[in-house]
Amino acid sequence: MNKQELISQLNNIQNNFMLGLAALGLLLREDSFSVLESLLCVLTDSSISFISDTSQIHEQFKGVQFPLKVAPYPLAEAAKYIKDSDKRQRENIQREFFMMLLEVLLKESFEVIKNYCQNSNKLHLFKQQDWYDFARIVRNCLSHNFLVEYKNNQEKKKITHLLEGKELYSRYGWQASSNKLFWYRWST
């Protein structure tokens, strides 16, 4: 992977995050329920489509070689689930969907950069960045349900110093209002 491919992949990750936020915004709007109730999500081996009439499945895939695996999923169930949810449940839906988007954004970005550095023999430079340990811990937390695990006691001391000492905040000019990341509380 060259630098241009890295930038392209990072842009794709960012765009997917933004599209996910847009989908979340639309999903939680009451005026979107009627649209969702009428849609089918059609997944094939190589495409995804949203249609409002099952007769369109055959027309849309006319001329395609069979056997074609077509799996229509009615989105009415999702609309009903959200529509029937109370305010607290909707907040939970919003939070969980957002955390899924954030997880993909951070994990994929970290992995793409790490792979680029490995392929270009720059992994040592990546690991020398003063934010590397923090980014790696966040990435690992996202992968393991916010469970923080340290390789050794030295690593724990380093991360604890970064978090509790607010060194990350002062180093990068961030404002430290609490030890929370969105809805999750850091504990060391």
N, C-alpha and C. Protein backbone atom coordinates (compact mmCIF):
# COMPACT_ATOMS: atom_id res chain seq x y z
N MET A 1 0.86 -1.17 0.00
CA MET A 1 0.00 0.00 0.00
C MET A 1 0.90 1.23 0.00
N ASN A 2 0.62 2.16 -0.92
CA ASN A 2 1.39 3.40 -0.93
C ASN A 2 0.64 4.49 -0.16
N LYS A 3 1.26 5.65 -0.06
CA LYS A 3 0.68 6.73 0.74
C LYS A 3 -0.68 7.18 0.20
N GLN A 4 -0.82 7.24 -1.13
CA GLN A 4 -2.09 7.65 -1.72
C GLN A 4 -3.20 6.65 -1.40
N GLU A 5 -2.87 5.36 -1.41
CA GLU A 5 -3.85 4.33 -1.05
C GLU A 5 -4.23 4.43 0.42
N LEU A 6 -3.26 4.75 1.27
CA LEU A 6 -3.53 4.96 2.69
C LEU A 6 -4.52 6.10 2.86
N ILE A 7 -4.25 7.22 2.22
CA ILE A 7 -5.13 8.39 2.32
C ILE A 7 -6.52 8.05 1.81
N SER A 8 -6.58 7.32 0.71
CA SER A 8 -7.87 6.91 0.14
C SER A 8 -8.65 6.04 1.12
N GLN A 9 -7.97 5.08 1.74
CA GLN A 9 -8.64 4.21 2.71
C GLN A 9 -9.11 4.99 3.93
N LEU A 10 -8.29 5.92 4.41
CA LEU A 10 -8.70 6.74 5.56
C LEU A 10 -9.89 7.63 5.21
N ASN A 11 -9.90 8.17 3.99
CA ASN A 11 -11.06 8.95 3.55
C ASN A 11 -12.31 8.10 3.48
N ASN A 12 -12.19 6.86 3.00
CA ASN A 12 -13.34 5.95 2.96
C ASN A 12 -13.87 5.66 4.35
N ILE A 13 -12.97 5.44 5.29
CA ILE A 13 -13.37 5.18 6.68
C ILE A 13 -14.12 6.38 7.24
N GLN A 14 -13.58 7.57 7.01
CA GLN A 14 -14.23 8.79 7.49
C GLN A 14 -15.60 8.98 6.82
N ASN A 15 -15.67 8.77 5.52
CA ASN A 15 -16.95 8.92 4.81
C ASN A 15 -17.98 7.92 5.31
N ASN A 16 -17.57 6.68 5.58
CA ASN A 16 -18.50 5.69 6.11
C ASN A 16 -19.02 6.11 7.48
N PHE A 17 -18.16 6.69 8.30
CA PHE A 17 -18.58 7.19 9.61
C PHE A 17 -19.63 8.29 9.44
N MET A 18 -19.38 9.21 8.53
CA MET A 18 -20.32 10.32 8.30
C MET A 18 -21.65 9.80 7.74
N LEU A 19 -21.59 8.84 6.82
CA LEU A 19 -22.83 8.24 6.30
C LEU A 19 -23.59 7.51 7.40
N GLY A 20 -22.86 6.85 8.29
CA GLY A 20 -23.51 6.19 9.42
C GLY A 20 -24.20 7.19 10.33
N LEU A 21 -23.56 8.33 10.57
CA LEU A 21 -24.19 9.38 11.39
C LEU A 21 -25.45 9.90 10.70
N ALA A 22 -25.38 10.08 9.38
CA ALA A 22 -26.56 10.53 8.63
C ALA A 22 -27.68 9.50 8.73
N ALA A 23 -27.33 8.22 8.59
CA ALA A 23 -28.33 7.16 8.70
C ALA A 23 -28.96 7.15 10.09
N LEU A 24 -28.14 7.34 11.11
CA LEU A 24 -28.65 7.37 12.48
C LEU A 24 -29.62 8.54 12.65
N GLY A 25 -29.24 9.70 12.14
CA GLY A 25 -30.13 10.86 12.23
C GLY A 25 -31.46 10.61 11.56
N LEU A 26 -31.43 10.01 10.39
CA LEU A 26 -32.68 9.70 9.67
C LEU A 26 -33.47 8.61 10.37
N LEU A 27 -32.77 7.62 10.88
CA LEU A 27 -33.41 6.48 11.52
C LEU A 27 -34.25 6.90 12.72
N LEU A 28 -33.80 7.89 13.45
CA LEU A 28 -34.49 8.30 14.67
C LEU A 28 -35.57 9.36 14.44
N ARG A 29 -35.73 9.80 13.21
CA ARG A 29 -36.77 10.78 12.90
C ARG A 29 -38.11 10.05 12.70
N GLU A 30 -39.14 10.53 13.37
CA GLU A 30 -40.44 9.87 13.26
C GLU A 30 -40.98 9.88 11.85
N ASP A 31 -40.66 10.91 11.07
CA ASP A 31 -41.17 10.96 9.70
C ASP A 31 -40.47 9.97 8.78
N SER A 32 -39.45 9.28 9.27
CA SER A 32 -38.78 8.27 8.44
C SER A 32 -39.40 6.88 8.61
N PHE A 33 -40.23 6.69 9.64
CA PHE A 33 -40.79 5.37 9.90
C PHE A 33 -41.60 4.85 8.72
N SER A 34 -42.41 5.71 8.11
CA SER A 34 -43.25 5.25 7.00
C SER A 34 -42.40 4.81 5.81
N VAL A 35 -41.28 5.49 5.59
CA VAL A 35 -40.38 5.09 4.49
C VAL A 35 -39.75 3.74 4.82
N LEU A 36 -39.25 3.60 6.04
CA LEU A 36 -38.63 2.33 6.45
C LEU A 36 -39.62 1.17 6.39
N GLU A 37 -40.87 1.44 6.78
CA GLU A 37 -41.87 0.37 6.79
C GLU A 37 -42.14 -0.18 5.39
N SER A 38 -41.87 0.60 4.37
CA SER A 38 -42.17 0.16 3.01
C SER A 38 -40.96 -0.40 2.27
N LEU A 39 -39.79 -0.40 2.91
CA LEU A 39 -38.57 -0.82 2.22
C LEU A 39 -38.16 -2.25 2.54
N LEU A 40 -37.58 -2.86 1.54
CA LEU A 40 -36.89 -4.14 1.71
C LEU A 40 -35.42 -3.89 1.39
N CYS A 41 -34.57 -4.45 2.20
CA CYS A 41 -33.14 -4.43 1.91
C CYS A 41 -32.83 -5.75 1.22
N VAL A 42 -32.32 -5.69 0.00
CA VAL A 42 -32.04 -6.90 -0.77
C VAL A 42 -30.53 -7.08 -0.88
N LEU A 43 -30.05 -8.17 -0.31
CA LEU A 43 -28.63 -8.49 -0.34
C LEU A 43 -28.40 -9.63 -1.32
N THR A 44 -27.45 -9.45 -2.21
CA THR A 44 -27.05 -10.53 -3.10
C THR A 44 -25.58 -10.81 -2.84
N ASP A 45 -24.99 -11.67 -3.64
CA ASP A 45 -23.56 -11.97 -3.47
C ASP A 45 -22.69 -10.74 -3.70
N SER A 46 -23.18 -9.79 -4.48
CA SER A 46 -22.31 -8.67 -4.86
C SER A 46 -22.97 -7.30 -4.76
N SER A 47 -24.18 -7.21 -4.22
CA SER A 47 -24.82 -5.89 -4.17
C SER A 47 -25.80 -5.79 -3.02
N ILE A 48 -26.18 -4.57 -2.75
CA ILE A 48 -27.21 -4.28 -1.77
C ILE A 48 -28.14 -3.25 -2.41
N SER A 49 -29.43 -3.49 -2.29
CA SER A 49 -30.43 -2.58 -2.86
C SER A 49 -31.54 -2.37 -1.86
N PHE A 50 -32.22 -1.27 -2.00
CA PHE A 50 -33.39 -0.98 -1.18
C PHE A 50 -34.55 -0.78 -2.14
N ILE A 51 -35.57 -1.61 -2.00
CA ILE A 51 -36.72 -1.53 -2.89
C ILE A 51 -38.00 -1.51 -2.06
N SER A 52 -39.07 -1.04 -2.67
CA SER A 52 -40.33 -0.94 -1.94
C SER A 52 -41.36 -1.96 -2.38
N ASP A 53 -41.03 -2.80 -3.35
CA ASP A 53 -41.99 -3.76 -3.87
C ASP A 53 -41.26 -5.04 -4.22
N THR A 54 -41.72 -6.17 -3.69
CA THR A 54 -41.04 -7.44 -3.94
C THR A 54 -41.03 -7.82 -5.41
N SER A 55 -41.99 -7.34 -6.18
CA SER A 55 -41.99 -7.65 -7.61
C SER A 55 -40.78 -7.02 -8.31
N GLN A 56 -40.22 -5.98 -7.70
CA GLN A 56 -39.04 -5.32 -8.27
C GLN A 56 -37.80 -6.20 -8.18
N ILE A 57 -37.81 -7.17 -7.27
CA ILE A 57 -36.64 -8.05 -7.12
C ILE A 57 -36.36 -8.75 -8.43
N HIS A 58 -37.41 -9.36 -9.02
CA HIS A 58 -37.22 -10.11 -10.25
C HIS A 58 -36.85 -9.19 -11.41
N GLU A 59 -37.47 -8.02 -11.48
CA GLU A 59 -37.19 -7.07 -12.56
C GLU A 59 -35.76 -6.53 -12.44
N GLN A 60 -35.37 -6.19 -11.24
CA GLN A 60 -34.05 -5.59 -11.02
C GLN A 60 -32.92 -6.56 -11.37
N PHE A 61 -33.13 -7.83 -11.13
CA PHE A 61 -32.07 -8.81 -11.35
C PHE A 61 -32.30 -9.65 -12.60
N LYS A 62 -33.10 -9.12 -13.53
CA LYS A 62 -33.37 -9.79 -14.80
C LYS A 62 -32.06 -9.93 -15.58
N GLY A 63 -31.81 -11.11 -16.12
CA GLY A 63 -30.61 -11.33 -16.90
C GLY A 63 -29.41 -11.74 -16.08
N VAL A 64 -29.53 -11.73 -14.77
CA VAL A 64 -28.43 -12.13 -13.90
C VAL A 64 -28.39 -13.66 -13.86
N GLN A 65 -27.21 -14.21 -13.95
CA GLN A 65 -27.06 -15.67 -13.93
C GLN A 65 -27.49 -16.22 -12.57
N PHE A 66 -28.28 -17.24 -12.58
CA PHE A 66 -28.68 -17.91 -11.35
C PHE A 66 -27.84 -19.17 -11.19
N PRO A 67 -27.62 -19.74 -10.03
CA PRO A 67 -28.36 -19.39 -8.83
C PRO A 67 -27.85 -18.10 -8.20
N LEU A 68 -28.74 -17.19 -7.98
CA LEU A 68 -28.44 -15.92 -7.34
C LEU A 68 -29.01 -15.98 -5.93
N LYS A 69 -28.18 -15.71 -4.97
CA LYS A 69 -28.66 -15.70 -3.59
C LYS A 69 -29.26 -14.33 -3.31
N VAL A 70 -30.56 -14.28 -3.21
CA VAL A 70 -31.25 -13.02 -2.93
C VAL A 70 -31.90 -13.16 -1.56
N ALA A 71 -31.54 -12.26 -0.67
CA ALA A 71 -32.09 -12.30 0.68
C ALA A 71 -32.78 -10.97 0.97
N PRO A 72 -34.11 -10.91 0.85
CA PRO A 72 -34.79 -9.65 1.18
C PRO A 72 -35.06 -9.55 2.69
N TYR A 73 -34.69 -8.44 3.26
CA TYR A 73 -34.92 -8.19 4.67
C TYR A 73 -35.86 -7.00 4.81
N PRO A 74 -37.05 -7.21 5.39
CA PRO A 74 -37.96 -6.08 5.56
C PRO A 74 -37.46 -5.14 6.65
N LEU A 75 -37.41 -3.87 6.34
CA LEU A 75 -36.96 -2.88 7.32
C LEU A 75 -38.10 -2.42 8.22
N ALA A 76 -39.30 -2.94 7.96
CA ALA A 76 -40.45 -2.59 8.79
C ALA A 76 -40.23 -3.01 10.24
N GLU A 77 -39.52 -4.12 10.44
CA GLU A 77 -39.25 -4.58 11.81
C GLU A 77 -38.38 -3.58 12.56
N ALA A 78 -37.39 -3.03 11.88
CA ALA A 78 -36.54 -2.01 12.51
C ALA A 78 -37.35 -0.76 12.82
N ALA A 79 -38.20 -0.36 11.86
CA ALA A 79 -39.04 0.82 12.07
C ALA A 79 -39.98 0.61 13.26
N LYS A 80 -40.59 -0.57 13.35
CA LYS A 80 -41.51 -0.86 14.46
C LYS A 80 -40.75 -0.87 15.78
N TYR A 81 -39.57 -1.47 15.79
CA TYR A 81 -38.77 -1.52 17.01
C TYR A 81 -38.48 -0.12 17.53
N ILE A 82 -38.08 0.77 16.64
CA ILE A 82 -37.76 2.14 17.05
C ILE A 82 -39.03 2.90 17.41
N LYS A 83 -40.06 2.75 16.58
CA LYS A 83 -41.32 3.47 16.80
C LYS A 83 -41.93 3.10 18.15
N ASP A 84 -41.84 1.83 18.53
CA ASP A 84 -42.43 1.35 19.78
C ASP A 84 -41.54 1.60 21.00
N SER A 85 -40.36 2.13 20.80
CA SER A 85 -39.42 2.37 21.90
C SER A 85 -39.76 3.66 22.63
N ASP A 86 -39.54 3.64 23.95
CA ASP A 86 -39.72 4.88 24.70
C ASP A 86 -38.45 5.73 24.57
N LYS A 87 -38.47 6.91 25.19
CA LYS A 87 -37.35 7.85 25.06
C LYS A 87 -36.02 7.22 25.51
N ARG A 88 -36.04 6.52 26.62
CA ARG A 88 -34.82 5.90 27.15
C ARG A 88 -34.29 4.83 26.20
N GLN A 89 -35.20 4.02 25.66
CA GLN A 89 -34.78 2.98 24.72
C GLN A 89 -34.19 3.60 23.45
N ARG A 90 -34.79 4.69 22.98
CA ARG A 90 -34.26 5.37 21.79
C ARG A 90 -32.88 5.94 22.06
N GLU A 91 -32.68 6.48 23.25
CA GLU A 91 -31.35 6.97 23.62
C GLU A 91 -30.34 5.83 23.62
N ASN A 92 -30.75 4.66 24.11
CA ASN A 92 -29.87 3.49 24.09
C ASN A 92 -29.56 3.06 22.66
N ILE A 93 -30.58 3.05 21.80
CA ILE A 93 -30.38 2.70 20.39
C ILE A 93 -29.38 3.66 19.77
N GLN A 94 -29.59 4.96 20.02
CA GLN A 94 -28.70 5.98 19.47
C GLN A 94 -27.28 5.80 19.97
N ARG A 95 -27.13 5.58 21.27
CA ARG A 95 -25.81 5.42 21.86
C ARG A 95 -25.10 4.18 21.30
N GLU A 96 -25.79 3.06 21.24
CA GLU A 96 -25.17 1.83 20.76
C GLU A 96 -24.80 1.92 19.28
N PHE A 97 -25.66 2.53 18.48
CA PHE A 97 -25.36 2.69 17.06
C PHE A 97 -24.15 3.61 16.89
N PHE A 98 -24.13 4.71 17.65
CA PHE A 98 -23.01 5.64 17.59
C PHE A 98 -21.71 4.96 18.02
N MET A 99 -21.77 4.17 19.10
CA MET A 99 -20.56 3.50 19.57
C MET A 99 -20.06 2.49 18.54
N MET A 100 -21.00 1.84 17.82
CA MET A 100 -20.58 0.93 16.75
C MET A 100 -19.84 1.71 15.66
N LEU A 101 -20.38 2.87 15.29
CA LEU A 101 -19.73 3.71 14.27
C LEU A 101 -18.35 4.17 14.75
N LEU A 102 -18.29 4.61 15.99
CA LEU A 102 -17.02 5.07 16.56
C LEU A 102 -16.00 3.93 16.62
N GLU A 103 -16.46 2.76 17.01
CA GLU A 103 -15.58 1.60 17.06
C GLU A 103 -14.97 1.31 15.69
N VAL A 104 -15.81 1.31 14.66
CA VAL A 104 -15.32 1.04 13.31
C VAL A 104 -14.35 2.15 12.87
N LEU A 105 -14.71 3.40 13.13
CA LEU A 105 -13.85 4.53 12.76
C LEU A 105 -12.46 4.40 13.38
N LEU A 106 -12.40 4.20 14.67
CA LEU A 106 -11.12 4.17 15.37
C LEU A 106 -10.33 2.90 15.09
N LYS A 107 -11.00 1.75 15.14
CA LYS A 107 -10.29 0.49 14.90
C LYS A 107 -9.75 0.42 13.48
N GLU A 108 -10.59 0.73 12.51
CA GLU A 108 -10.16 0.64 11.11
C GLU A 108 -9.06 1.65 10.80
N SER A 109 -9.19 2.86 11.31
CA SER A 109 -8.14 3.87 11.08
C SER A 109 -6.81 3.40 11.65
N PHE A 110 -6.84 2.92 12.89
CA PHE A 110 -5.62 2.45 13.53
C PHE A 110 -5.00 1.31 12.73
N GLU A 111 -5.82 0.34 12.32
CA GLU A 111 -5.30 -0.83 11.60
C GLU A 111 -4.76 -0.47 10.22
N VAL A 112 -5.44 0.43 9.52
CA VAL A 112 -4.97 0.83 8.19
C VAL A 112 -3.62 1.53 8.29
N ILE A 113 -3.50 2.43 9.27
CA ILE A 113 -2.22 3.13 9.46
C ILE A 113 -1.13 2.14 9.88
N LYS A 114 -1.47 1.24 10.79
CA LYS A 114 -0.50 0.24 11.24
C LYS A 114 -0.04 -0.64 10.07
N ASN A 115 -0.97 -1.08 9.24
CA ASN A 115 -0.62 -1.91 8.07
C ASN A 115 0.26 -1.14 7.09
N TYR A 116 -0.07 0.13 6.88
CA TYR A 116 0.76 0.96 6.00
C TYR A 116 2.18 1.04 6.55
N CYS A 117 2.28 1.29 7.85
CA CYS A 117 3.61 1.41 8.48
C CYS A 117 4.38 0.09 8.41
N GLN A 118 3.69 -1.02 8.61
CA GLN A 118 4.36 -2.33 8.49
C GLN A 118 4.87 -2.54 7.07
N ASN A 119 4.02 -2.26 6.09
CA ASN A 119 4.39 -2.49 4.69
C ASN A 119 5.48 -1.55 4.19
N SER A 120 5.59 -0.39 4.81
CA SER A 120 6.60 0.59 4.37
C SER A 120 7.79 0.65 5.32
N ASN A 121 7.90 -0.34 6.19
CA ASN A 121 9.01 -0.41 7.16
C ASN A 121 9.10 0.83 8.04
N LYS A 122 7.94 1.36 8.43
CA LYS A 122 7.90 2.54 9.30
C LYS A 122 7.18 2.25 10.62
N LEU A 123 6.98 0.97 10.92
CA LEU A 123 6.26 0.62 12.13
C LEU A 123 6.95 1.17 13.37
N HIS A 124 8.27 1.18 13.37
CA HIS A 124 9.00 1.73 14.52
C HIS A 124 8.68 3.22 14.72
N LEU A 125 8.48 3.95 13.63
CA LEU A 125 8.12 5.37 13.74
C LEU A 125 6.70 5.53 14.30
N PHE A 126 5.80 4.67 13.86
CA PHE A 126 4.43 4.67 14.35
C PHE A 126 4.41 4.44 15.86
N LYS A 127 5.17 3.45 16.31
CA LYS A 127 5.20 3.10 17.73
C LYS A 127 5.92 4.14 18.57
N GLN A 128 6.73 4.99 17.96
CA GLN A 128 7.46 6.03 18.70
C GLN A 128 6.61 7.28 18.95
N GLN A 129 5.46 7.38 18.31
CA GLN A 129 4.62 8.56 18.50
C GLN A 129 4.15 8.62 19.95
N ASP A 130 4.14 9.81 20.54
CA ASP A 130 3.80 9.92 21.95
C ASP A 130 2.34 9.54 22.23
N TRP A 131 1.50 9.51 21.24
CA TRP A 131 0.09 9.14 21.41
C TRP A 131 -0.16 7.66 21.08
N TYR A 132 0.86 6.94 20.62
CA TYR A 132 0.67 5.57 20.15
C TYR A 132 0.07 4.66 21.22
N ASP A 133 0.62 4.66 22.43
CA ASP A 133 0.11 3.76 23.48
C ASP A 133 -1.35 4.06 23.80
N PHE A 134 -1.69 5.33 23.87
CA PHE A 134 -3.08 5.70 24.14
C PHE A 134 -3.98 5.21 23.01
N ALA A 135 -3.58 5.45 21.77
CA ALA A 135 -4.39 5.03 20.61
C ALA A 135 -4.53 3.51 20.59
N ARG A 136 -3.46 2.80 20.91
CA ARG A 136 -3.52 1.34 20.92
C ARG A 136 -4.45 0.83 22.01
N ILE A 137 -4.40 1.45 23.19
CA ILE A 137 -5.29 1.05 24.28
C ILE A 137 -6.74 1.33 23.91
N VAL A 138 -7.02 2.50 23.34
CA VAL A 138 -8.39 2.81 22.91
C VAL A 138 -8.86 1.80 21.88
N ARG A 139 -8.01 1.49 20.91
CA ARG A 139 -8.36 0.51 19.88
C ARG A 139 -8.65 -0.84 20.52
N ASN A 140 -7.81 -1.26 21.46
CA ASN A 140 -8.03 -2.55 22.12
C ASN A 140 -9.28 -2.53 22.99
N CYS A 141 -9.55 -1.42 23.65
CA CYS A 141 -10.77 -1.30 24.46
C CYS A 141 -12.00 -1.46 23.58
N LEU A 142 -11.99 -0.81 22.44
CA LEU A 142 -13.12 -0.91 21.52
C LEU A 142 -13.31 -2.33 21.02
N SER A 143 -12.22 -3.04 20.87
CA SER A 143 -12.30 -4.43 20.39
C SER A 143 -12.74 -5.40 21.47
N HIS A 144 -12.57 -5.02 22.72
CA HIS A 144 -12.82 -5.95 23.83
C HIS A 144 -13.78 -5.35 24.85
N ASN A 145 -14.85 -4.72 24.37
CA ASN A 145 -15.93 -4.23 25.22
C ASN A 145 -15.45 -3.32 26.34
N PHE A 146 -14.53 -2.44 26.01
CA PHE A 146 -13.98 -1.44 26.93
C PHE A 146 -13.28 -2.04 28.14
N LEU A 147 -12.73 -3.23 27.96
CA LEU A 147 -11.90 -3.85 28.99
C LEU A 147 -10.46 -3.44 28.72
N VAL A 148 -9.85 -2.78 29.68
CA VAL A 148 -8.46 -2.34 29.52
C VAL A 148 -7.55 -3.43 30.06
N GLU A 149 -6.67 -3.91 29.19
CA GLU A 149 -5.68 -4.89 29.60
C GLU A 149 -4.30 -4.35 29.26
N TYR A 150 -3.38 -4.52 30.16
CA TYR A 150 -2.03 -4.02 29.97
C TYR A 150 -1.08 -5.18 29.75
N LYS A 151 -0.07 -4.96 28.93
CA LYS A 151 0.94 -6.00 28.70
C LYS A 151 1.75 -6.25 29.96
N ASN A 152 2.03 -5.17 30.68
CA ASN A 152 2.86 -5.29 31.88
C ASN A 152 2.60 -4.09 32.78
N ASN A 153 3.20 -4.11 33.96
CA ASN A 153 2.99 -3.04 34.93
C ASN A 153 3.54 -1.70 34.44
N GLN A 154 4.62 -1.74 33.68
CA GLN A 154 5.20 -0.51 33.13
C GLN A 154 4.20 0.17 32.20
N GLU A 155 3.54 -0.62 31.37
CA GLU A 155 2.55 -0.06 30.45
C GLU A 155 1.38 0.54 31.23
N LYS A 156 0.95 -0.13 32.30
CA LYS A 156 -0.15 0.39 33.12
C LYS A 156 0.24 1.73 33.72
N LYS A 157 1.45 1.83 34.24
CA LYS A 157 1.91 3.10 34.82
C LYS A 157 1.91 4.21 33.77
N LYS A 158 2.36 3.88 32.58
CA LYS A 158 2.45 4.87 31.51
C LYS A 158 1.06 5.38 31.12
N ILE A 159 0.12 4.47 30.92
CA ILE A 159 -1.23 4.86 30.53
C ILE A 159 -1.93 5.57 31.67
N THR A 160 -1.76 5.07 32.91
CA THR A 160 -2.35 5.73 34.07
C THR A 160 -1.83 7.16 34.18
N HIS A 161 -0.54 7.35 33.97
CA HIS A 161 0.04 8.69 34.00
C HIS A 161 -0.59 9.56 32.91
N LEU A 162 -0.74 9.00 31.72
CA LEU A 162 -1.32 9.77 30.62
C LEU A 162 -2.75 10.18 30.93
N LEU A 163 -3.55 9.26 31.51
CA LEU A 163 -4.95 9.55 31.77
C LEU A 163 -5.17 10.35 33.04
N GLU A 164 -4.65 9.84 34.17
CA GLU A 164 -4.90 10.50 35.44
C GLU A 164 -4.14 11.81 35.57
N GLY A 165 -2.95 11.86 35.02
CA GLY A 165 -2.17 13.07 35.09
C GLY A 165 -2.59 14.11 34.07
N LYS A 166 -3.56 13.75 33.26
CA LYS A 166 -4.09 14.64 32.23
C LYS A 166 -3.00 15.11 31.28
N GLU A 167 -1.92 14.31 31.16
CA GLU A 167 -0.83 14.70 30.29
C GLU A 167 -1.28 14.79 28.84
N LEU A 168 -2.13 13.86 28.42
CA LEU A 168 -2.64 13.91 27.04
C LEU A 168 -3.39 15.21 26.80
N TYR A 169 -4.15 15.60 27.80
CA TYR A 169 -4.95 16.81 27.65
C TYR A 169 -4.06 18.05 27.53
N SER A 170 -3.07 18.14 28.41
CA SER A 170 -2.22 19.33 28.36
C SER A 170 -1.31 19.31 27.14
N ARG A 171 -0.82 18.15 26.75
CA ARG A 171 0.08 18.03 25.62
C ARG A 171 -0.61 18.46 24.32
N TYR A 172 -1.88 18.10 24.18
CA TYR A 172 -2.58 18.39 22.93
C TYR A 172 -3.58 19.54 23.06
N GLY A 173 -3.59 20.20 24.21
CA GLY A 173 -4.47 21.35 24.38
C GLY A 173 -5.93 20.97 24.58
N TRP A 174 -6.18 19.73 24.98
CA TRP A 174 -7.56 19.30 25.21
C TRP A 174 -8.01 19.79 26.58
N GLN A 175 -9.29 19.95 26.74
CA GLN A 175 -9.85 20.29 28.04
C GLN A 175 -10.29 19.01 28.74
N ALA A 176 -9.79 18.77 29.92
CA ALA A 176 -10.14 17.56 30.66
C ALA A 176 -11.30 17.87 31.60
N SER A 177 -12.50 17.45 31.24
CA SER A 177 -13.64 17.71 32.10
C SER A 177 -13.95 16.49 32.97
N SER A 178 -13.58 15.32 32.52
CA SER A 178 -13.81 14.11 33.30
C SER A 178 -12.97 12.99 32.71
N ASN A 179 -13.09 11.83 33.32
CA ASN A 179 -12.39 10.67 32.78
C ASN A 179 -13.35 9.79 31.99
N LYS A 180 -14.25 10.44 31.24
CA LYS A 180 -15.22 9.71 30.43
C LYS A 180 -14.92 9.90 28.95
N LEU A 181 -15.16 8.85 28.20
CA LEU A 181 -15.10 8.91 26.75
C LEU A 181 -16.51 8.60 26.28
N PHE A 182 -17.23 9.62 25.85
CA PHE A 182 -18.64 9.50 25.51
C PHE A 182 -19.37 8.95 26.73
N TRP A 183 -19.94 7.76 26.65
CA TRP A 183 -20.73 7.25 27.78
C TRP A 183 -19.93 6.31 28.67
N TYR A 184 -18.67 6.10 28.35
CA TYR A 184 -17.88 5.13 29.08
C TYR A 184 -16.86 5.84 29.97
N ARG A 185 -16.72 5.33 31.18
CA ARG A 185 -15.79 5.91 32.15
C ARG A 185 -14.49 5.12 32.12
N TRP A 186 -13.39 5.85 32.02
CA TRP A 186 -12.07 5.21 32.08
C TRP A 186 -11.77 4.86 33.51
N SER A 187 -11.28 3.68 33.72
CA SER A 187 -10.76 3.35 35.05
C SER A 187 -9.46 2.59 34.84
N THR A 188 -8.52 2.86 35.69
CA THR A 188 -7.21 2.20 35.55
C THR A 188 -6.87 1.47 36.81
